[in-house]
Amino acid sequence: MHRVSFIIYTPKNKRIMSFQAYIDNIKTKTGKSPDDFRKLAESKGFILNGQINPENKATEITTWLKEEFGLGHGHAMAIYATFKGKTE
């Protein structure tokens, strides 16, 4: 598996945040794990038979995560990545 880091730019420095740090921050903010989000996505029809519903675009799913859970774009994309099978 490939290890991916996200780069977060701040006004005075550059900080690298690992995928796991994104997931940890999401859990702290929302109290929900990727599995919790997966179950919720299944109940909304975004995930069918363990796969992302091909009728839904990433934008629809990330918009739902942003609006319902107050996630930023990067954090919503991290959860979307877990729906696609990313674990690190």
PDB file of N, CA and C in Angstrom:
ATOM      1  N   MET A   1       0.828  -1.183   0.000  1.00  0.00           N
ATOM      2  CA  MET A   1       0.000   0.000   0.000  1.00  0.00           C
ATOM      3  C   MET A   1       0.870   1.244   0.000  1.00  0.00           C
ATOM      4  N   HIS A   2       0.340   2.267  -0.586  1.00  0.00           N
ATOM      5  CA  HIS A   2       1.049   3.542  -0.602  1.00  0.00           C
ATOM      6  C   HIS A   2       0.696   4.334   0.644  1.00  0.00           C
ATOM      7  N   ARG A   3       1.671   4.994   1.186  1.00  0.00           N
ATOM      8  CA  ARG A   3       1.434   5.867   2.325  1.00  0.00           C
ATOM      9  C   ARG A   3       1.339   7.283   1.791  1.00  0.00           C
ATOM     10  N   VAL A   4       0.262   7.963   2.123  1.00  0.00           N
ATOM     11  CA  VAL A   4       0.021   9.307   1.622  1.00  0.00           C
ATOM     12  C   VAL A   4      -0.015  10.274   2.788  1.00  0.00           C
ATOM     13  N   SER A   5       0.635  11.396   2.619  1.00  0.00           N
ATOM     14  CA  SER A   5       0.550  12.460   3.611  1.00  0.00           C
ATOM     15  C   SER A   5      -0.122  13.653   2.960  1.00  0.00           C
ATOM     16  N   PHE A   6      -0.891  14.348   3.738  1.00  0.00           N
ATOM     17  CA  PHE A   6      -1.531  15.563   3.278  1.00  0.00           C
ATOM     18  C   PHE A   6      -0.689  16.729   3.780  1.00  0.00           C
ATOM     19  N   ILE A   7      -0.555  17.758   2.972  1.00  0.00           N
ATOM     20  CA  ILE A   7       0.200  18.931   3.394  1.00  0.00           C
ATOM     21  C   ILE A   7      -0.795  20.019   3.742  1.00  0.00           C
ATOM     22  N   ILE A   8      -0.667  20.528   4.959  1.00  0.00           N
ATOM     23  CA  ILE A   8      -1.511  21.610   5.429  1.00  0.00           C
ATOM     24  C   ILE A   8      -0.638  22.863   5.480  1.00  0.00           C
ATOM     25  N   TYR A   9      -1.036  23.895   4.769  1.00  0.00           N
ATOM     26  CA  TYR A   9      -0.274  25.136   4.775  1.00  0.00           C
ATOM     27  C   TYR A   9      -0.847  26.086   5.808  1.00  0.00           C
ATOM     28  N   THR A  10       0.028  26.627   6.606  1.00  0.00           N
ATOM     29  CA  THR A  10      -0.358  27.637   7.574  1.00  0.00           C
ATOM     30  C   THR A  10       0.389  28.911   7.215  1.00  0.00           C
ATOM     31  N   PRO A  11      -0.012  30.051   7.744  1.00  0.00           N
ATOM     32  CA  PRO A  11       0.619  31.308   7.342  1.00  0.00           C
ATOM     33  C   PRO A  11       2.135  31.352   7.530  1.00  0.00           C
ATOM     34  N   LYS A  12       2.657  30.725   8.583  1.00  0.00           N
ATOM     35  CA  LYS A  12       4.071  30.886   8.884  1.00  0.00           C
ATOM     36  C   LYS A  12       4.919  29.657   8.616  1.00  0.00           C
ATOM     37  N   ASN A  13       4.291  28.504   8.431  1.00  0.00           N
ATOM     38  CA  ASN A  13       5.102  27.308   8.217  1.00  0.00           C
ATOM     39  C   ASN A  13       4.329  26.276   7.414  1.00  0.00           C
ATOM     40  N   LYS A  14       4.995  25.207   7.112  1.00  0.00           N
ATOM     41  CA  LYS A  14       4.372  24.111   6.398  1.00  0.00           C
ATOM     42  C   LYS A  14       4.371  22.908   7.336  1.00  0.00           C
ATOM     43  N   ARG A  15       3.232  22.250   7.446  1.00  0.00           N
ATOM     44  CA  ARG A  15       3.121  21.089   8.318  1.00  0.00           C
ATOM     45  C   ARG A  15       2.579  19.927   7.495  1.00  0.00           C
ATOM     46  N   ILE A  16       3.120  18.760   7.712  1.00  0.00           N
ATOM     47  CA  ILE A  16       2.640  17.576   7.022  1.00  0.00           C
ATOM     48  C   ILE A  16       1.776  16.782   7.989  1.00  0.00           C
ATOM     49  N   MET A  17       0.580  16.437   7.530  1.00  0.00           N
ATOM     50  CA  MET A  17      -0.351  15.679   8.356  1.00  0.00           C
ATOM     51  C   MET A  17      -0.566  14.319   7.700  1.00  0.00           C
ATOM     52  N   SER A  18      -0.381  13.259   8.448  1.00  0.00           N
ATOM     53  CA  SER A  18      -0.583  11.924   7.906  1.00  0.00           C
ATOM     54  C   SER A  18      -2.071  11.632   7.748  1.00  0.00           C
ATOM     55  N   PHE A  19      -2.354  10.625   6.967  1.00  0.00           N
ATOM     56  CA  PHE A  19      -3.742  10.204   6.788  1.00  0.00           C
ATOM     57  C   PHE A  19      -4.358   9.838   8.134  1.00  0.00           C
ATOM     58  N   GLN A  20      -3.594   9.124   8.961  1.00  0.00           N
ATOM     59  CA  GLN A  20      -4.111   8.717  10.271  1.00  0.00           C
ATOM     60  C   GLN A  20      -4.409   9.935  11.148  1.00  0.00           C
ATOM     61  N   ALA A  21      -3.611  10.984  11.034  1.00  0.00           N
ATOM     62  CA  ALA A  21      -3.878  12.204  11.802  1.00  0.00           C
ATOM     63  C   ALA A  21      -5.205  12.829  11.358  1.00  0.00           C
ATOM     64  N   TYR A  22      -5.492  12.784  10.053  1.00  0.00           N
ATOM     65  CA  TYR A  22      -6.783  13.275   9.577  1.00  0.00           C
ATOM     66  C   TYR A  22      -7.907  12.484  10.234  1.00  0.00           C
ATOM     67  N   ILE A  23      -7.784  11.154  10.211  1.00  0.00           N
ATOM     68  CA  ILE A  23      -8.824  10.300  10.776  1.00  0.00           C
ATOM     69  C   ILE A  23      -8.980  10.557  12.272  1.00  0.00           C
ATOM     70  N   ASP A  24      -7.861  10.703  12.973  1.00  0.00           N
ATOM     71  CA  ASP A  24      -7.916  10.988  14.418  1.00  0.00           C
ATOM     72  C   ASP A  24      -8.603  12.319  14.696  1.00  0.00           C
ATOM     73  N   ASN A  25      -8.305  13.331  13.893  1.00  0.00           N
ATOM     74  CA  ASN A  25      -8.941  14.645  14.070  1.00  0.00           C
ATOM     75  C   ASN A  25     -10.438  14.581  13.809  1.00  0.00           C
ATOM     76  N   ILE A  26     -10.828  13.810  12.814  1.00  0.00           N
ATOM     77  CA  ILE A  26     -12.258  13.651  12.508  1.00  0.00           C
ATOM     78  C   ILE A  26     -12.966  12.980  13.677  1.00  0.00           C
ATOM     79  N   LYS A  27     -12.354  11.941  14.226  1.00  0.00           N
ATOM     80  CA  LYS A  27     -12.955  11.232  15.363  1.00  0.00           C
ATOM     81  C   LYS A  27     -13.087  12.176  16.559  1.00  0.00           C
ATOM     82  N   THR A  28     -12.071  12.987  16.812  1.00  0.00           N
ATOM     83  CA  THR A  28     -12.127  13.944  17.912  1.00  0.00           C
ATOM     84  C   THR A  28     -13.241  14.963  17.696  1.00  0.00           C
ATOM     85  N   LYS A  29     -13.367  15.460  16.465  1.00  0.00           N
ATOM     86  CA  LYS A  29     -14.362  16.498  16.169  1.00  0.00           C
ATOM     87  C   LYS A  29     -15.791  15.965  16.191  1.00  0.00           C
ATOM     88  N   THR A  30     -15.986  14.764  15.623  1.00  0.00           N
ATOM     89  CA  THR A  30     -17.354  14.273  15.428  1.00  0.00           C
ATOM     90  C   THR A  30     -17.747  13.141  16.372  1.00  0.00           C
ATOM     91  N   GLY A  31     -16.746  12.475  16.962  1.00  0.00           N
ATOM     92  CA  GLY A  31     -17.022  11.300  17.779  1.00  0.00           C
ATOM     93  C   GLY A  31     -17.291  10.059  16.938  1.00  0.00           C
ATOM     94  N   LYS A  32     -17.051  10.164  15.630  1.00  0.00           N
ATOM     95  CA  LYS A  32     -17.353   9.060  14.720  1.00  0.00           C
ATOM     96  C   LYS A  32     -16.084   8.520  14.065  1.00  0.00           C
ATOM     97  N   SER A  33     -16.064   7.202  13.913  1.00  0.00           N
ATOM     98  CA  SER A  33     -14.960   6.520  13.239  1.00  0.00           C
ATOM     99  C   SER A  33     -15.301   6.363  11.763  1.00  0.00           C
ATOM    100  N   PRO A  34     -14.330   5.970  10.942  1.00  0.00           N
ATOM    101  CA  PRO A  34     -14.648   5.693   9.538  1.00  0.00           C
ATOM    102  C   PRO A  34     -15.752   4.642   9.389  1.00  0.00           C
ATOM    103  N   ASP A  35     -15.769   3.630  10.264  1.00  0.00           N
ATOM    104  CA  ASP A  35     -16.840   2.624  10.203  1.00  0.00           C
ATOM    105  C   ASP A  35     -18.206   3.236  10.492  1.00  0.00           C
ATOM    106  N   ASP A  36     -18.248   4.182  11.440  1.00  0.00           N
ATOM    107  CA  ASP A  36     -19.508   4.873  11.729  1.00  0.00           C
ATOM    108  C   ASP A  36     -19.994   5.642  10.501  1.00  0.00           C
ATOM    109  N   PHE A  37     -19.054   6.352   9.848  1.00  0.00           N
ATOM    110  CA  PHE A  37     -19.425   7.103   8.639  1.00  0.00           C
ATOM    111  C   PHE A  37     -19.866   6.155   7.529  1.00  0.00           C
ATOM    112  N   ARG A  38     -19.221   5.009   7.423  1.00  0.00           N
ATOM    113  CA  ARG A  38     -19.596   4.023   6.402  1.00  0.00           C
ATOM    114  C   ARG A  38     -21.039   3.560   6.612  1.00  0.00           C
ATOM    115  N   LYS A  39     -21.387   3.265   7.851  1.00  0.00           N
ATOM    116  CA  LYS A  39     -22.761   2.824   8.148  1.00  0.00           C
ATOM    117  C   LYS A  39     -23.771   3.912   7.805  1.00  0.00           C
ATOM    118  N   LEU A  40     -23.427   5.147   8.139  1.00  0.00           N
ATOM    119  CA  LEU A  40     -24.320   6.259   7.808  1.00  0.00           C
ATOM    120  C   LEU A  40     -24.447   6.431   6.293  1.00  0.00           C
ATOM    121  N   ALA A  41     -23.321   6.283   5.587  1.00  0.00           N
ATOM    122  CA  ALA A  41     -23.337   6.397   4.123  1.00  0.00           C
ATOM    123  C   ALA A  41     -24.171   5.274   3.505  1.00  0.00           C
ATOM    124  N   GLU A  42     -24.089   4.085   4.092  1.00  0.00           N
ATOM    125  CA  GLU A  42     -24.919   2.978   3.605  1.00  0.00           C
ATOM    126  C   GLU A  42     -26.401   3.297   3.790  1.00  0.00           C
ATOM    127  N   SER A  43     -26.743   3.862   4.937  1.00  0.00           N
ATOM    128  CA  SER A  43     -28.155   4.181   5.201  1.00  0.00           C
ATOM    129  C   SER A  43     -28.676   5.268   4.260  1.00  0.00           C
ATOM    130  N   LYS A  44     -27.778   6.111   3.728  1.00  0.00           N
ATOM    131  CA  LYS A  44     -28.176   7.171   2.791  1.00  0.00           C
ATOM    132  C   LYS A  44     -28.124   6.697   1.343  1.00  0.00           C
ATOM    133  N   GLY A  45     -27.649   5.465   1.138  1.00  0.00           N
ATOM    134  CA  GLY A  45     -27.561   4.938  -0.218  1.00  0.00           C
ATOM    135  C   GLY A  45     -26.287   5.296  -0.953  1.00  0.00           C
ATOM    136  N   PHE A  46     -25.335   5.915  -0.279  1.00  0.00           N
ATOM    137  CA  PHE A  46     -24.062   6.260  -0.913  1.00  0.00           C
ATOM    138  C   PHE A  46     -23.172   5.026  -1.100  1.00  0.00           C
ATOM    139  N   ILE A  47     -23.398   4.004  -0.287  1.00  0.00           N
ATOM    140  CA  ILE A  47     -22.633   2.760  -0.382  1.00  0.00           C
ATOM    141  C   ILE A  47     -23.618   1.614  -0.540  1.00  0.00           C
ATOM    142  N   LEU A  48     -23.387   0.806  -1.572  1.00  0.00           N
ATOM    143  CA  LEU A  48     -24.219  -0.357  -1.846  1.00  0.00           C
ATOM    144  C   LEU A  48     -23.321  -1.584  -1.967  1.00  0.00           C
ATOM    145  N   ASN A  49     -23.686  -2.648  -1.267  1.00  0.00           N
ATOM    146  CA  ASN A  49     -22.915  -3.889  -1.335  1.00  0.00           C
ATOM    147  C   ASN A  49     -21.430  -3.657  -1.058  1.00  0.00           C
ATOM    148  N   GLY A  50     -21.148  -2.765  -0.110  1.00  0.00           N
ATOM    149  CA  GLY A  50     -19.776  -2.498   0.304  1.00  0.00           C
ATOM    150  C   GLY A  50     -18.983  -1.581  -0.607  1.00  0.00           C
ATOM    151  N   GLN A  51     -19.586  -1.103  -1.694  1.00  0.00           N
ATOM    152  CA  GLN A  51     -18.900  -0.237  -2.656  1.00  0.00           C
ATOM    153  C   GLN A  51     -19.626   1.093  -2.776  1.00  0.00           C
ATOM    154  N   ILE A  52     -18.889   2.120  -3.167  1.00  0.00           N
ATOM    155  CA  ILE A  52     -19.531   3.412  -3.409  1.00  0.00           C
ATOM    156  C   ILE A  52     -20.534   3.242  -4.542  1.00  0.00           C
ATOM    157  N   ASN A  53     -21.733   3.729  -4.318  1.00  0.00           N
ATOM    158  CA  ASN A  53     -22.792   3.666  -5.317  1.00  0.00           C
ATOM    159  C   ASN A  53     -22.324   4.427  -6.559  1.00  0.00           C
ATOM    160  N   PRO A  54     -22.262   3.770  -7.716  1.00  0.00           N
ATOM    161  CA  PRO A  54     -21.769   4.445  -8.914  1.00  0.00           C
ATOM    162  C   PRO A  54     -22.647   5.615  -9.363  1.00  0.00           C
ATOM    163  N   GLU A  55     -23.852   5.697  -8.846  1.00  0.00           N
ATOM    164  CA  GLU A  55     -24.725   6.824  -9.191  1.00  0.00           C
ATOM    165  C   GLU A  55     -24.355   8.101  -8.431  1.00  0.00           C
ATOM    166  N   ASN A  56     -23.500   7.977  -7.402  1.00  0.00           N
ATOM    167  CA  ASN A  56     -23.102   9.130  -6.602  1.00  0.00           C
ATOM    168  C   ASN A  56     -21.680   9.551  -6.937  1.00  0.00           C
ATOM    169  N   LYS A  57     -21.498  10.829  -7.096  1.00  0.00           N
ATOM    170  CA  LYS A  57     -20.167  11.392  -7.338  1.00  0.00           C
ATOM    171  C   LYS A  57     -19.526  11.740  -5.994  1.00  0.00           C
ATOM    172  N   ALA A  58     -18.218  11.847  -6.000  1.00  0.00           N
ATOM    173  CA  ALA A  58     -17.483  12.198  -4.780  1.00  0.00           C
ATOM    174  C   ALA A  58     -18.008  13.507  -4.199  1.00  0.00           C
ATOM    175  N   THR A  59     -18.340  14.451  -5.064  1.00  0.00           N
ATOM    176  CA  THR A  59     -18.821  15.755  -4.598  1.00  0.00           C
ATOM    177  C   THR A  59     -20.089  15.632  -3.770  1.00  0.00           C
ATOM    178  N   GLU A  60     -20.999  14.764  -4.171  1.00  0.00           N
ATOM    179  CA  GLU A  60     -22.242  14.584  -3.409  1.00  0.00           C
ATOM    180  C   GLU A  60     -21.942  14.053  -2.001  1.00  0.00           C
ATOM    181  N   ILE A  61     -21.033  13.116  -1.943  1.00  0.00           N
ATOM    182  CA  ILE A  61     -20.703  12.505  -0.658  1.00  0.00           C
ATOM    183  C   ILE A  61     -19.946  13.484   0.228  1.00  0.00           C
ATOM    184  N   THR A  62     -18.962  14.177  -0.335  1.00  0.00           N
ATOM    185  CA  THR A  62     -18.200  15.120   0.489  1.00  0.00           C
ATOM    186  C   THR A  62     -19.058  16.305   0.921  1.00  0.00           C
ATOM    187  N   THR A  63     -19.984  16.725   0.072  1.00  0.00           N
ATOM    188  CA  THR A  63     -20.900  17.806   0.464  1.00  0.00           C
ATOM    189  C   THR A  63     -21.748  17.373   1.654  1.00  0.00           C
ATOM    190  N   TRP A  64     -22.258  16.150   1.622  1.00  0.00           N
ATOM    191  CA  TRP A  64     -23.014  15.600   2.752  1.00  0.00           C
ATOM    192  C   TRP A  64     -22.161  15.610   4.027  1.00  0.00           C
ATOM    193  N   LEU A  65     -20.924  15.150   3.944  1.00  0.00           N
ATOM    194  CA  LEU A  65     -20.040  15.116   5.117  1.00  0.00           C
ATOM    195  C   LEU A  65     -19.757  16.522   5.650  1.00  0.00           C
ATOM    196  N   LYS A  66     -19.578  17.468   4.753  1.00  0.00           N
ATOM    197  CA  LYS A  66     -19.321  18.852   5.161  1.00  0.00           C
ATOM    198  C   LYS A  66     -20.545  19.462   5.837  1.00  0.00           C
ATOM    199  N   GLU A  67     -21.700  19.295   5.214  1.00  0.00           N
ATOM    200  CA  GLU A  67     -22.910  19.940   5.729  1.00  0.00           C
ATOM    201  C   GLU A  67     -23.431  19.279   7.000  1.00  0.00           C
ATOM    202  N   GLU A  68     -23.444  17.962   7.032  1.00  0.00           N
ATOM    203  CA  GLU A  68     -24.034  17.278   8.175  1.00  0.00           C
ATOM    204  C   GLU A  68     -23.091  17.177   9.378  1.00  0.00           C
ATOM    205  N   PHE A  69     -21.783  17.118   9.123  1.00  0.00           N
ATOM    206  CA  PHE A  69     -20.838  16.894  10.217  1.00  0.00           C
ATOM    207  C   PHE A  69     -19.834  18.022  10.398  1.00  0.00           C
ATOM    208  N   GLY A  70     -19.917  19.044   9.575  1.00  0.00           N
ATOM    209  CA  GLY A  70     -19.037  20.197   9.718  1.00  0.00           C
ATOM    210  C   GLY A  70     -17.591  19.919   9.363  1.00  0.00           C
ATOM    211  N   LEU A  71     -17.359  18.921   8.505  1.00  0.00           N
ATOM    212  CA  LEU A  71     -15.987  18.624   8.106  1.00  0.00           C
ATOM    213  C   LEU A  71     -15.519  19.605   7.043  1.00  0.00           C
ATOM    214  N   GLY A  72     -14.228  19.880   7.054  1.00  0.00           N
ATOM    215  CA  GLY A  72     -13.627  20.653   5.977  1.00  0.00           C
ATOM    216  C   GLY A  72     -13.425  19.749   4.771  1.00  0.00           C
ATOM    217  N   HIS A  73     -12.995  20.350   3.676  1.00  0.00           N
ATOM    218  CA  HIS A  73     -12.854  19.584   2.434  1.00  0.00           C
ATOM    219  C   HIS A  73     -11.857  18.433   2.579  1.00  0.00           C
ATOM    220  N   GLY A  74     -10.696  18.696   3.149  1.00  0.00           N
ATOM    221  CA  GLY A  74      -9.680  17.655   3.296  1.00  0.00           C
ATOM    222  C   GLY A  74     -10.149  16.503   4.164  1.00  0.00           C
ATOM    223  N   HIS A  75     -10.838  16.829   5.250  1.00  0.00           N
ATOM    224  CA  HIS A  75     -11.338  15.790   6.145  1.00  0.00           C
ATOM    225  C   HIS A  75     -12.454  14.982   5.480  1.00  0.00           C
ATOM    226  N   ALA A  76     -13.318  15.656   4.723  1.00  0.00           N
ATOM    227  CA  ALA A  76     -14.372  14.941   3.993  1.00  0.00           C
ATOM    228  C   ALA A  76     -13.756  14.014   2.948  1.00  0.00           C
ATOM    229  N   MET A  77     -12.713  14.466   2.276  1.00  0.00           N
ATOM    230  CA  MET A  77     -12.039  13.627   1.290  1.00  0.00           C
ATOM    231  C   MET A  77     -11.355  12.433   1.954  1.00  0.00           C
ATOM    232  N   ALA A  78     -10.853  12.615   3.167  1.00  0.00           N
ATOM    233  CA  ALA A  78     -10.234  11.497   3.885  1.00  0.00           C
ATOM    234  C   ALA A  78     -11.282  10.420   4.185  1.00  0.00           C
ATOM    235  N   ILE A  79     -12.461  10.825   4.615  1.00  0.00           N
ATOM    236  CA  ILE A  79     -13.525   9.847   4.871  1.00  0.00           C
ATOM    237  C   ILE A  79     -13.945   9.188   3.554  1.00  0.00           C
ATOM    238  N   TYR A  80     -14.079   9.973   2.503  1.00  0.00           N
ATOM    239  CA  TYR A  80     -14.399   9.409   1.189  1.00  0.00           C
ATOM    240  C   TYR A  80     -13.343   8.372   0.784  1.00  0.00           C
ATOM    241  N   ALA A  81     -12.083   8.664   1.050  1.00  0.00           N
ATOM    242  CA  ALA A  81     -11.001   7.726   0.728  1.00  0.00           C
ATOM    243  C   ALA A  81     -11.186   6.408   1.489  1.00  0.00           C
ATOM    244  N   THR A  82     -11.668   6.478   2.730  1.00  0.00           N
ATOM    245  CA  THR A  82     -11.901   5.231   3.473  1.00  0.00           C
ATOM    246  C   THR A  82     -13.032   4.431   2.826  1.00  0.00           C
ATOM    247  N   PHE A  83     -14.002   5.106   2.237  1.00  0.00           N
ATOM    248  CA  PHE A  83     -15.076   4.415   1.535  1.00  0.00           C
ATOM    249  C   PHE A  83     -14.522   3.651   0.332  1.00  0.00           C
ATOM    250  N   LYS A  84     -13.430   4.173  -0.235  1.00  0.00           N
ATOM    251  CA  LYS A  84     -12.801   3.523  -1.390  1.00  0.00           C
ATOM    252  C   LYS A  84     -11.794   2.455  -0.966  1.00  0.00           C
ATOM    253  N   GLY A  85     -11.631   2.273   0.362  1.00  0.00           N
ATOM    254  CA  GLY A  85     -10.745   1.211   0.845  1.00  0.00           C
ATOM    255  C   GLY A  85      -9.418   1.662   1.408  1.00  0.00           C
ATOM    256  N   LYS A  86      -9.153   2.960   1.399  1.00  0.00           N
ATOM    257  CA  LYS A  86      -7.885   3.455   1.944  1.00  0.00           C
ATOM    258  C   LYS A  86      -7.880   3.284   3.460  1.00  0.00           C
ATOM    259  N   THR A  87      -6.791   2.766   3.980  1.00  0.00           N
ATOM    260  CA  THR A  87      -6.683   2.568   5.428  1.00  0.00           C
ATOM    261  C   THR A  87      -5.485   3.292   6.033  1.00  0.00           C
ATOM    262  N   GLU A  88      -4.583   3.764   5.210  1.00  0.00           N
ATOM    263  CA  GLU A  88      -3.440   4.526   5.733  1.00  0.00           C
ATOM    264  C   GLU A  88      -2.916   5.485   4.711  1.00  0.00           C
TER     265      GLU A  88
END
